[in-house]
Amino acid sequence: MIGITVTVKLQNKLAKNSIMMSLKSISEHLFSETGGLLLRSFTHISDTQVDLFHVWKDRTFQEKARKSFSTQFWKDIKDMGGIVSFSEGECELELSNFIKSSDVKFK
């Protein structure tokens, strides 16, 4: 698995909400069998900053999404004055035995 953390700092709350809606608009594709995204978390740091954490099945799926969508998407955000930073690497995912699917809000 590949984990990627993206930190996005934007000019205002409206820009942040717009970015999140754009990302969520492609969720169905990314979470499909051919998309390879296993998990995505949005951490709201402030009205103008969000951290995203993605877990991909493997680097092949992540690279496919990067080429088809994300490289240009993040470039556009930077061109509009947003600050975007990334960290990525091999990922291990561990879940608590106490987690029940009924306890987790899935979107």
PDB file of N, CA and C in Angstrom:
ATOM      1  N   MET A   1       0.833  -1.173   0.000  1.00  0.00           N
ATOM      2  CA  MET A   1       0.000   0.000   0.000  1.00  0.00           C
ATOM      3  C   MET A   1       0.880   1.239   0.000  1.00  0.00           C
ATOM      4  N   ILE A   2       0.317   2.315  -0.544  1.00  0.00           N
ATOM      5  CA  ILE A   2       1.001   3.604  -0.594  1.00  0.00           C
ATOM      6  C   ILE A   2       0.174   4.619   0.170  1.00  0.00           C
ATOM      7  N   GLY A   3       0.804   5.345   1.069  1.00  0.00           N
ATOM      8  CA  GLY A   3       0.137   6.409   1.815  1.00  0.00           C
ATOM      9  C   GLY A   3       0.643   7.757   1.350  1.00  0.00           C
ATOM     10  N   ILE A   4      -0.275   8.695   1.181  1.00  0.00           N
ATOM     11  CA  ILE A   4       0.088  10.049   0.761  1.00  0.00           C
ATOM     12  C   ILE A   4      -0.646  11.041   1.648  1.00  0.00           C
ATOM     13  N   THR A   5       0.098  11.968   2.211  1.00  0.00           N
ATOM     14  CA  THR A   5      -0.481  13.061   2.974  1.00  0.00           C
ATOM     15  C   THR A   5      -0.301  14.337   2.172  1.00  0.00           C
ATOM     16  N   VAL A   6      -1.395  15.070   2.008  1.00  0.00           N
ATOM     17  CA  VAL A   6      -1.370  16.337   1.286  1.00  0.00           C
ATOM     18  C   VAL A   6      -1.859  17.413   2.240  1.00  0.00           C
ATOM     19  N   THR A   7      -1.072  18.464   2.416  1.00  0.00           N
ATOM     20  CA  THR A   7      -1.477  19.621   3.208  1.00  0.00           C
ATOM     21  C   THR A   7      -1.788  20.751   2.245  1.00  0.00           C
ATOM     22  N   VAL A   8      -2.980  21.321   2.388  1.00  0.00           N
ATOM     23  CA  VAL A   8      -3.423  22.385   1.493  1.00  0.00           C
ATOM     24  C   VAL A   8      -3.810  23.600   2.333  1.00  0.00           C
ATOM     25  N   LYS A   9      -3.143  24.733   2.060  1.00  0.00           N
ATOM     26  CA  LYS A   9      -3.467  25.997   2.719  1.00  0.00           C
ATOM     27  C   LYS A   9      -4.002  26.938   1.650  1.00  0.00           C
ATOM     28  N   LEU A  10      -5.195  27.468   1.911  1.00  0.00           N
ATOM     29  CA  LEU A  10      -5.869  28.293   0.914  1.00  0.00           C
ATOM     30  C   LEU A  10      -6.155  29.680   1.460  1.00  0.00           C
ATOM     31  N   GLN A  11      -6.609  30.569   0.577  1.00  0.00           N
ATOM     32  CA  GLN A  11      -6.827  31.967   0.932  1.00  0.00           C
ATOM     33  C   GLN A  11      -8.021  32.170   1.862  1.00  0.00           C
ATOM     34  N   ASN A  12      -9.056  31.328   1.707  1.00  0.00           N
ATOM     35  CA  ASN A  12     -10.261  31.529   2.498  1.00  0.00           C
ATOM     36  C   ASN A  12     -11.061  30.228   2.588  1.00  0.00           C
ATOM     37  N   LYS A  13     -12.101  30.260   3.401  1.00  0.00           N
ATOM     38  CA  LYS A  13     -12.934  29.080   3.641  1.00  0.00           C
ATOM     39  C   LYS A  13     -13.660  28.642   2.364  1.00  0.00           C
ATOM     40  N   LEU A  14     -14.101  29.594   1.563  1.00  0.00           N
ATOM     41  CA  LEU A  14     -14.795  29.265   0.321  1.00  0.00           C
ATOM     42  C   LEU A  14     -13.880  28.468  -0.611  1.00  0.00           C
ATOM     43  N   ALA A  15     -12.627  28.875  -0.726  1.00  0.00           N
ATOM     44  CA  ALA A  15     -11.668  28.145  -1.569  1.00  0.00           C
ATOM     45  C   ALA A  15     -11.460  26.727  -1.034  1.00  0.00           C
ATOM     46  N   LYS A  16     -11.333  26.600   0.280  1.00  0.00           N
ATOM     47  CA  LYS A  16     -11.158  25.278   0.894  1.00  0.00           C
ATOM     48  C   LYS A  16     -12.361  24.386   0.591  1.00  0.00           C
ATOM     49  N   ASN A  17     -13.568  24.911   0.787  1.00  0.00           N
ATOM     50  CA  ASN A  17     -14.773  24.118   0.534  1.00  0.00           C
ATOM     51  C   ASN A  17     -14.885  23.726  -0.937  1.00  0.00           C
ATOM     52  N   SER A  18     -14.491  24.618  -1.821  1.00  0.00           N
ATOM     53  CA  SER A  18     -14.525  24.331  -3.256  1.00  0.00           C
ATOM     54  C   SER A  18     -13.562  23.202  -3.619  1.00  0.00           C
ATOM     55  N   ILE A  19     -12.375  23.232  -3.053  1.00  0.00           N
ATOM     56  CA  ILE A  19     -11.373  22.189  -3.303  1.00  0.00           C
ATOM     57  C   ILE A  19     -11.907  20.840  -2.814  1.00  0.00           C
ATOM     58  N   MET A  20     -12.484  20.834  -1.630  1.00  0.00           N
ATOM     59  CA  MET A  20     -13.001  19.582  -1.074  1.00  0.00           C
ATOM     60  C   MET A  20     -14.142  19.030  -1.929  1.00  0.00           C
ATOM     61  N   MET A  21     -15.035  19.897  -2.408  1.00  0.00           N
ATOM     62  CA  MET A  21     -16.125  19.434  -3.269  1.00  0.00           C
ATOM     63  C   MET A  21     -15.571  18.854  -4.571  1.00  0.00           C
ATOM     64  N   SER A  22     -14.542  19.483  -5.119  1.00  0.00           N
ATOM     65  CA  SER A  22     -13.920  18.967  -6.347  1.00  0.00           C
ATOM     66  C   SER A  22     -13.325  17.590  -6.114  1.00  0.00           C
ATOM     67  N   LEU A  23     -12.640  17.421  -5.002  1.00  0.00           N
ATOM     68  CA  LEU A  23     -12.052  16.116  -4.689  1.00  0.00           C
ATOM     69  C   LEU A  23     -13.126  15.060  -4.465  1.00  0.00           C
ATOM     70  N   LYS A  24     -14.162  15.417  -3.756  1.00  0.00           N
ATOM     71  CA  LYS A  24     -15.229  14.451  -3.474  1.00  0.00           C
ATOM     72  C   LYS A  24     -16.018  14.086  -4.734  1.00  0.00           C
ATOM     73  N   SER A  25     -16.012  14.967  -5.732  1.00  0.00           N
ATOM     74  CA  SER A  25     -16.763  14.689  -6.960  1.00  0.00           C
ATOM     75  C   SER A  25     -16.193  13.507  -7.739  1.00  0.00           C
ATOM     76  N   ILE A  26     -14.930  13.164  -7.492  1.00  0.00           N
ATOM     77  CA  ILE A  26     -14.337  12.011  -8.189  1.00  0.00           C
ATOM     78  C   ILE A  26     -14.180  10.799  -7.275  1.00  0.00           C
ATOM     79  N   SER A  27     -14.760  10.872  -6.082  1.00  0.00           N
ATOM     80  CA  SER A  27     -14.627   9.775  -5.118  1.00  0.00           C
ATOM     81  C   SER A  27     -15.128   8.451  -5.665  1.00  0.00           C
ATOM     82  N   GLU A  28     -16.279   8.468  -6.311  1.00  0.00           N
ATOM     83  CA  GLU A  28     -16.854   7.212  -6.805  1.00  0.00           C
ATOM     84  C   GLU A  28     -15.871   6.493  -7.722  1.00  0.00           C
ATOM     85  N   HIS A  29     -15.235   7.243  -8.604  1.00  0.00           N
ATOM     86  CA  HIS A  29     -14.251   6.628  -9.511  1.00  0.00           C
ATOM     87  C   HIS A  29     -13.028   6.130  -8.740  1.00  0.00           C
ATOM     88  N   LEU A  30     -12.486   6.975  -7.860  1.00  0.00           N
ATOM     89  CA  LEU A  30     -11.265   6.598  -7.145  1.00  0.00           C
ATOM     90  C   LEU A  30     -11.479   5.387  -6.248  1.00  0.00           C
ATOM     91  N   PHE A  31     -12.659   5.280  -5.637  1.00  0.00           N
ATOM     92  CA  PHE A  31     -12.940   4.165  -4.746  1.00  0.00           C
ATOM     93  C   PHE A  31     -13.449   2.925  -5.481  1.00  0.00           C
ATOM     94  N   SER A  32     -13.548   2.998  -6.800  1.00  0.00           N
ATOM     95  CA  SER A  32     -13.977   1.828  -7.565  1.00  0.00           C
ATOM     96  C   SER A  32     -12.828   0.820  -7.645  1.00  0.00           C
ATOM     97  N   GLU A  33     -13.137  -0.350  -8.129  1.00  0.00           N
ATOM     98  CA  GLU A  33     -12.122  -1.405  -8.262  1.00  0.00           C
ATOM     99  C   GLU A  33     -10.982  -0.968  -9.174  1.00  0.00           C
ATOM    100  N   THR A  34     -11.300  -0.165 -10.186  1.00  0.00           N
ATOM    101  CA  THR A  34     -10.257   0.286 -11.113  1.00  0.00           C
ATOM    102  C   THR A  34      -9.537   1.535 -10.618  1.00  0.00           C
ATOM    103  N   GLY A  35     -10.085   2.195  -9.572  1.00  0.00           N
ATOM    104  CA  GLY A  35      -9.458   3.404  -9.042  1.00  0.00           C
ATOM    105  C   GLY A  35      -8.361   3.124  -8.036  1.00  0.00           C
ATOM    106  N   GLY A  36      -8.552   2.109  -7.191  1.00  0.00           N
ATOM    107  CA  GLY A  36      -7.512   1.671  -6.277  1.00  0.00           C
ATOM    108  C   GLY A  36      -7.358   2.436  -4.977  1.00  0.00           C
ATOM    109  N   LEU A  37      -8.189   3.466  -4.741  1.00  0.00           N
ATOM    110  CA  LEU A  37      -8.103   4.193  -3.480  1.00  0.00           C
ATOM    111  C   LEU A  37      -8.836   3.403  -2.405  1.00  0.00           C
ATOM    112  N   LEU A  38      -8.164   3.142  -1.289  1.00  0.00           N
ATOM    113  CA  LEU A  38      -8.749   2.352  -0.211  1.00  0.00           C
ATOM    114  C   LEU A  38      -9.337   3.223   0.895  1.00  0.00           C
ATOM    115  N   LEU A  39      -8.707   4.371   1.148  1.00  0.00           N
ATOM    116  CA  LEU A  39      -9.121   5.210   2.270  1.00  0.00           C
ATOM    117  C   LEU A  39      -8.696   6.640   1.996  1.00  0.00           C
ATOM    118  N   ARG A  40      -9.561   7.589   2.369  1.00  0.00           N
ATOM    119  CA  ARG A  40      -9.186   9.008   2.301  1.00  0.00           C
ATOM    120  C   ARG A  40      -9.754   9.699   3.521  1.00  0.00           C
ATOM    121  N   SER A  41      -8.932  10.479   4.170  1.00  0.00           N
ATOM    122  CA  SER A  41      -9.335  11.204   5.369  1.00  0.00           C
ATOM    123  C   SER A  41      -9.102  12.692   5.148  1.00  0.00           C
ATOM    124  N   PHE A  42     -10.086  13.507   5.544  1.00  0.00           N
ATOM    125  CA  PHE A  42      -9.952  14.956   5.518  1.00  0.00           C
ATOM    126  C   PHE A  42      -9.822  15.423   6.962  1.00  0.00           C
ATOM    127  N   THR A  43      -8.706  16.056   7.309  1.00  0.00           N
ATOM    128  CA  THR A  43      -8.522  16.615   8.644  1.00  0.00           C
ATOM    129  C   THR A  43      -8.582  18.125   8.525  1.00  0.00           C
ATOM    130  N   HIS A  44      -9.598  18.723   9.137  1.00  0.00           N
ATOM    131  CA  HIS A  44      -9.812  20.164   9.052  1.00  0.00           C
ATOM    132  C   HIS A  44      -8.963  20.856  10.115  1.00  0.00           C
ATOM    133  N   ILE A  45      -7.855  21.421   9.689  1.00  0.00           N
ATOM    134  CA  ILE A  45      -6.929  22.085  10.602  1.00  0.00           C
ATOM    135  C   ILE A  45      -7.467  23.462  10.983  1.00  0.00           C
ATOM    136  N   SER A  46      -7.992  24.172   9.998  1.00  0.00           N
ATOM    137  CA  SER A  46      -8.575  25.499  10.221  1.00  0.00           C
ATOM    138  C   SER A  46      -9.560  25.783   9.087  1.00  0.00           C
ATOM    139  N   ASP A  47     -10.141  26.981   9.100  1.00  0.00           N
ATOM    140  CA  ASP A  47     -11.063  27.351   8.021  1.00  0.00           C
ATOM    141  C   ASP A  47     -10.379  27.399   6.665  1.00  0.00           C
ATOM    142  N   THR A  48      -9.061  27.529   6.661  1.00  0.00           N
ATOM    143  CA  THR A  48      -8.336  27.676   5.392  1.00  0.00           C
ATOM    144  C   THR A  48      -7.313  26.572   5.130  1.00  0.00           C
ATOM    145  N   GLN A  49      -7.243  25.576   6.006  1.00  0.00           N
ATOM    146  CA  GLN A  49      -6.274  24.488   5.822  1.00  0.00           C
ATOM    147  C   GLN A  49      -6.932  23.137   6.052  1.00  0.00           C
ATOM    148  N   VAL A  50      -6.596  22.209   5.163  1.00  0.00           N
ATOM    149  CA  VAL A  50      -7.058  20.826   5.295  1.00  0.00           C
ATOM    150  C   VAL A  50      -5.891  19.902   4.983  1.00  0.00           C
ATOM    151  N   ASP A  51      -5.774  18.839   5.755  1.00  0.00           N
ATOM    152  CA  ASP A  51      -4.807  17.784   5.471  1.00  0.00           C
ATOM    153  C   ASP A  51      -5.590  16.586   4.964  1.00  0.00           C
ATOM    154  N   LEU A  52      -5.089  15.981   3.903  1.00  0.00           N
ATOM    155  CA  LEU A  52      -5.731  14.800   3.339  1.00  0.00           C
ATOM    156  C   LEU A  52      -4.768  13.640   3.474  1.00  0.00           C
ATOM    157  N   PHE A  53      -5.312  12.488   3.829  1.00  0.00           N
ATOM    158  CA  PHE A  53      -4.496  11.283   3.892  1.00  0.00           C
ATOM    159  C   PHE A  53      -5.160  10.248   3.001  1.00  0.00           C
ATOM    160  N   HIS A  54      -4.403   9.735   2.042  1.00  0.00           N
ATOM    161  CA  HIS A  54      -4.892   8.738   1.088  1.00  0.00           C
ATOM    162  C   HIS A  54      -4.121   7.440   1.283  1.00  0.00           C
ATOM    163  N   VAL A  55      -4.818   6.324   1.199  1.00  0.00           N
ATOM    164  CA  VAL A  55      -4.167   5.018   1.162  1.00  0.00           C
ATOM    165  C   VAL A  55      -4.597   4.349  -0.141  1.00  0.00           C
ATOM    166  N   TRP A  56      -3.599   4.042  -0.971  1.00  0.00           N
ATOM    167  CA  TRP A  56      -3.824   3.405  -2.267  1.00  0.00           C
ATOM    168  C   TRP A  56      -3.441   1.938  -2.193  1.00  0.00           C
ATOM    169  N   LYS A  57      -4.120   1.124  -2.978  1.00  0.00           N
ATOM    170  CA  LYS A  57      -3.839  -0.312  -3.026  1.00  0.00           C
ATOM    171  C   LYS A  57      -2.373  -0.563  -3.352  1.00  0.00           C
ATOM    172  N   ASP A  58      -1.853   0.149  -4.343  1.00  0.00           N
ATOM    173  CA  ASP A  58      -0.427   0.085  -4.676  1.00  0.00           C
ATOM    174  C   ASP A  58      -0.055   1.300  -5.520  1.00  0.00           C
ATOM    175  N   ARG A  59       1.219   1.449  -5.796  1.00  0.00           N
ATOM    176  CA  ARG A  59       1.722   2.626  -6.510  1.00  0.00           C
ATOM    177  C   ARG A  59       1.147   2.736  -7.927  1.00  0.00           C
ATOM    178  N   THR A  60       0.819   1.620  -8.569  1.00  0.00           N
ATOM    179  CA  THR A  60       0.259   1.652  -9.919  1.00  0.00           C
ATOM    180  C   THR A  60      -1.027   2.474  -9.953  1.00  0.00           C
ATOM    181  N   PHE A  61      -1.925   2.229  -8.996  1.00  0.00           N
ATOM    182  CA  PHE A  61      -3.182   2.977  -8.939  1.00  0.00           C
ATOM    183  C   PHE A  61      -2.930   4.444  -8.618  1.00  0.00           C
ATOM    184  N   GLN A  62      -2.020   4.691  -7.699  1.00  0.00           N
ATOM    185  CA  GLN A  62      -1.714   6.064  -7.305  1.00  0.00           C
ATOM    186  C   GLN A  62      -1.132   6.839  -8.483  1.00  0.00           C
ATOM    187  N   GLU A  63      -0.221   6.249  -9.210  1.00  0.00           N
ATOM    188  CA  GLU A  63       0.384   6.912 -10.372  1.00  0.00           C
ATOM    189  C   GLU A  63      -0.649   7.168 -11.470  1.00  0.00           C
ATOM    190  N   LYS A  64      -1.564   6.235 -11.661  1.00  0.00           N
ATOM    191  CA  LYS A  64      -2.617   6.402 -12.665  1.00  0.00           C
ATOM    192  C   LYS A  64      -3.480   7.626 -12.321  1.00  0.00           C
ATOM    193  N   ALA A  65      -3.867   7.762 -11.061  1.00  0.00           N
ATOM    194  CA  ALA A  65      -4.666   8.911 -10.629  1.00  0.00           C
ATOM    195  C   ALA A  65      -3.862  10.199 -10.749  1.00  0.00           C
ATOM    196  N   ARG A  66      -2.593  10.129 -10.420  1.00  0.00           N
ATOM    197  CA  ARG A  66      -1.733  11.316 -10.502  1.00  0.00           C
ATOM    198  C   ARG A  66      -1.659  11.812 -11.945  1.00  0.00           C
ATOM    199  N   LYS A  67      -1.467  10.901 -12.878  1.00  0.00           N
ATOM    200  CA  LYS A  67      -1.353  11.292 -14.287  1.00  0.00           C
ATOM    201  C   LYS A  67      -2.662  11.806 -14.856  1.00  0.00           C
ATOM    202  N   SER A  68      -3.772  11.166 -14.487  1.00  0.00           N
ATOM    203  CA  SER A  68      -5.047  11.530 -15.097  1.00  0.00           C
ATOM    204  C   SER A  68      -5.727  12.721 -14.433  1.00  0.00           C
ATOM    205  N   PHE A  69      -5.373  13.029 -13.187  1.00  0.00           N
ATOM    206  CA  PHE A  69      -6.119  14.066 -12.488  1.00  0.00           C
ATOM    207  C   PHE A  69      -5.275  14.944 -11.570  1.00  0.00           C
ATOM    208  N   SER A  70      -4.593  14.333 -10.635  1.00  0.00           N
ATOM    209  CA  SER A  70      -4.086  15.120  -9.511  1.00  0.00           C
ATOM    210  C   SER A  70      -2.933  16.058  -9.834  1.00  0.00           C
ATOM    211  N   THR A  71      -2.049  15.716 -10.737  1.00  0.00           N
ATOM    212  CA  THR A  71      -0.932  16.616 -11.041  1.00  0.00           C
ATOM    213  C   THR A  71      -1.455  17.972 -11.500  1.00  0.00           C
ATOM    214  N   GLN A  72      -2.371  17.976 -12.450  1.00  0.00           N
ATOM    215  CA  GLN A  72      -2.935  19.234 -12.946  1.00  0.00           C
ATOM    216  C   GLN A  72      -3.787  19.913 -11.882  1.00  0.00           C
ATOM    217  N   PHE A  73      -4.551  19.144 -11.114  1.00  0.00           N
ATOM    218  CA  PHE A  73      -5.407  19.698 -10.063  1.00  0.00           C
ATOM    219  C   PHE A  73      -4.574  20.489  -9.051  1.00  0.00           C
ATOM    220  N   TRP A  74      -3.506  19.879  -8.544  1.00  0.00           N
ATOM    221  CA  TRP A  74      -2.684  20.566  -7.536  1.00  0.00           C
ATOM    222  C   TRP A  74      -1.912  21.734  -8.146  1.00  0.00           C
ATOM    223  N   LYS A  75      -1.532  21.630  -9.405  1.00  0.00           N
ATOM    224  CA  LYS A  75      -0.880  22.763 -10.088  1.00  0.00           C
ATOM    225  C   LYS A  75      -1.840  23.944 -10.155  1.00  0.00           C
ATOM    226  N   ASP A  76      -3.098  23.675 -10.502  1.00  0.00           N
ATOM    227  CA  ASP A  76      -4.100  24.741 -10.567  1.00  0.00           C
ATOM    228  C   ASP A  76      -4.298  25.402  -9.211  1.00  0.00           C
ATOM    229  N   ILE A  77      -4.294  24.614  -8.138  1.00  0.00           N
ATOM    230  CA  ILE A  77      -4.442  25.170  -6.789  1.00  0.00           C
ATOM    231  C   ILE A  77      -3.264  26.087  -6.476  1.00  0.00           C
ATOM    232  N   LYS A  78      -2.066  25.649  -6.806  1.00  0.00           N
ATOM    233  CA  LYS A  78      -0.878  26.485  -6.577  1.00  0.00           C
ATOM    234  C   LYS A  78      -0.931  27.752  -7.408  1.00  0.00           C
ATOM    235  N   ASP A  79      -1.390  27.659  -8.660  1.00  0.00           N
ATOM    236  CA  ASP A  79      -1.498  28.834  -9.528  1.00  0.00           C
ATOM    237  C   ASP A  79      -2.493  29.859  -8.979  1.00  0.00           C
ATOM    238  N   MET A  80      -3.482  29.400  -8.203  1.00  0.00           N
ATOM    239  CA  MET A  80      -4.476  30.294  -7.594  1.00  0.00           C
ATOM    240  C   MET A  80      -4.001  30.836  -6.245  1.00  0.00           C
ATOM    241  N   GLY A  81      -2.760  30.524  -5.860  1.00  0.00           N
ATOM    242  CA  GLY A  81      -2.207  31.057  -4.624  1.00  0.00           C
ATOM    243  C   GLY A  81      -2.249  30.107  -3.439  1.00  0.00           C
ATOM    244  N   GLY A  82      -2.733  28.887  -3.648  1.00  0.00           N
ATOM    245  CA  GLY A  82      -2.754  27.911  -2.570  1.00  0.00           C
ATOM    246  C   GLY A  82      -1.365  27.329  -2.333  1.00  0.00           C
ATOM    247  N   ILE A  83      -1.142  26.879  -1.143  1.00  0.00           N
ATOM    248  CA  ILE A  83       0.125  26.225  -0.794  1.00  0.00           C
ATOM    249  C   ILE A  83      -0.174  24.747  -0.609  1.00  0.00           C
ATOM    250  N   VAL A  84       0.527  23.907  -1.361  1.00  0.00           N
ATOM    251  CA  VAL A  84       0.290  22.465  -1.350  1.00  0.00           C
ATOM    252  C   VAL A  84       1.601  21.756  -1.063  1.00  0.00           C
ATOM    253  N   SER A  85       1.590  20.850  -0.093  1.00  0.00           N
ATOM    254  CA  SER A  85       2.789  20.046   0.168  1.00  0.00           C
ATOM    255  C   SER A  85       2.379  18.585   0.303  1.00  0.00           C
ATOM    256  N   PHE A  86       3.312  17.704  -0.046  1.00  0.00           N
ATOM    257  CA  PHE A  86       3.055  16.266  -0.085  1.00  0.00           C
ATOM    258  C   PHE A  86       4.119  15.500   0.689  1.00  0.00           C
ATOM    259  N   SER A  87       3.708  14.366   1.240  1.00  0.00           N
ATOM    260  CA  SER A  87       4.660  13.358   1.685  1.00  0.00           C
ATOM    261  C   SER A  87       4.032  12.023   1.331  1.00  0.00           C
ATOM    262  N   GLU A  88       4.866  11.063   0.948  1.00  0.00           N
ATOM    263  CA  GLU A  88       4.327   9.771   0.533  1.00  0.00           C
ATOM    264  C   GLU A  88       5.338   8.675   0.755  1.00  0.00           C
ATOM    265  N   GLY A  89       4.822   7.454   0.849  1.00  0.00           N
ATOM    266  CA  GLY A  89       5.687   6.305   1.002  1.00  0.00           C
ATOM    267  C   GLY A  89       4.892   5.033   1.213  1.00  0.00           C
ATOM    268  N   GLU A  90       5.624   3.936   1.348  1.00  0.00           N
ATOM    269  CA  GLU A  90       4.978   2.660   1.638  1.00  0.00           C
ATOM    270  C   GLU A  90       4.187   2.812   2.926  1.00  0.00           C
ATOM    271  N   CYS A  91       3.048   2.161   2.993  1.00  0.00           N
ATOM    272  CA  CYS A  91       2.124   2.376   4.095  1.00  0.00           C
ATOM    273  C   CYS A  91       1.673   1.049   4.689  1.00  0.00           C
ATOM    274  N   GLU A  92       1.579   1.029   5.995  1.00  0.00           N
ATOM    275  CA  GLU A  92       0.957  -0.083   6.703  1.00  0.00           C
ATOM    276  C   GLU A  92      -0.302   0.478   7.348  1.00  0.00           C
ATOM    277  N   LEU A  93      -1.388  -0.223   7.212  1.00  0.00           N
ATOM    278  CA  LEU A  93      -2.654   0.224   7.776  1.00  0.00           C
ATOM    279  C   LEU A  93      -3.050  -0.733   8.891  1.00  0.00           C
ATOM    280  N   GLU A  94      -3.316  -0.179  10.049  1.00  0.00           N
ATOM    281  CA  GLU A  94      -3.687  -0.983  11.212  1.00  0.00           C
ATOM    282  C   GLU A  94      -5.031  -0.479  11.715  1.00  0.00           C
ATOM    283  N   LEU A  95      -5.946  -1.385  11.985  1.00  0.00           N
ATOM    284  CA  LEU A  95      -7.274  -1.032  12.481  1.00  0.00           C
ATOM    285  C   LEU A  95      -7.513  -1.647  13.844  1.00  0.00           C
ATOM    286  N   SER A  96      -8.224  -0.925  14.668  1.00  0.00           N
ATOM    287  CA  SER A  96      -8.582  -1.408  15.988  1.00  0.00           C
ATOM    288  C   SER A  96      -9.622  -2.514  15.893  1.00  0.00           C
ATOM    289  N   ASN A  97      -9.532  -3.478  16.782  1.00  0.00           N
ATOM    290  CA  ASN A  97     -10.548  -4.520  16.874  1.00  0.00           C
ATOM    291  C   ASN A  97     -11.890  -3.955  17.348  1.00  0.00           C
ATOM    292  N   PHE A  98     -11.844  -2.759  17.919  1.00  0.00           N
ATOM    293  CA  PHE A  98     -13.056  -2.134  18.421  1.00  0.00           C
ATOM    294  C   PHE A  98     -13.861  -1.438  17.327  1.00  0.00           C
ATOM    295  N   ILE A  99     -13.287  -1.284  16.161  1.00  0.00           N
ATOM    296  CA  ILE A  99     -13.989  -0.615  15.067  1.00  0.00           C
ATOM    297  C   ILE A  99     -15.001  -1.571  14.456  1.00  0.00           C
ATOM    298  N   LYS A 100     -16.233  -1.112  14.442  1.00  0.00           N
ATOM    299  CA  LYS A 100     -17.316  -1.843  13.784  1.00  0.00           C
ATOM    300  C   LYS A 100     -17.813  -0.949  12.663  1.00  0.00           C
ATOM    301  N   SER A 101     -18.160  -1.525  11.543  1.00  0.00           N
ATOM    302  CA  SER A 101     -18.591  -0.701  10.416  1.00  0.00           C
ATOM    303  C   SER A 101     -19.770   0.191  10.787  1.00  0.00           C
ATOM    304  N   SER A 102     -20.598  -0.237  11.734  1.00  0.00           N
ATOM    305  CA  SER A 102     -21.742   0.581  12.157  1.00  0.00           C
ATOM    306  C   SER A 102     -21.298   1.824  12.940  1.00  0.00           C
ATOM    307  N   ASP A 103     -20.059   1.815  13.469  1.00  0.00           N
ATOM    308  CA  ASP A 103     -19.544   2.946  14.228  1.00  0.00           C
ATOM    309  C   ASP A 103     -18.880   3.997  13.349  1.00  0.00           C
ATOM    310  N   VAL A 104     -18.592   3.654  12.124  1.00  0.00           N
ATOM    311  CA  VAL A 104     -17.835   4.541  11.242  1.00  0.00           C
ATOM    312  C   VAL A 104     -18.775   5.156  10.222  1.00  0.00           C
ATOM    313  N   LYS A 105     -18.657   6.461  10.060  1.00  0.00           N
ATOM    314  CA  LYS A 105     -19.475   7.161   9.068  1.00  0.00           C
ATOM    315  C   LYS A 105     -18.738   7.136   7.746  1.00  0.00           C
ATOM    316  N   PHE A 106     -19.259   6.400   6.794  1.00  0.00           N
ATOM    317  CA  PHE A 106     -18.667   6.309   5.471  1.00  0.00           C
ATOM    318  C   PHE A 106     -19.442   7.225   4.542  1.00  0.00           C
ATOM    319  N   LYS A 107     -18.715   7.951   3.706  1.00  0.00           N
ATOM    320  CA  LYS A 107     -19.365   8.818   2.713  1.00  0.00           C
ATOM    321  C   LYS A 107     -19.088   8.305   1.345  1.00  0.00           C
TER     322      LYS A 107
END
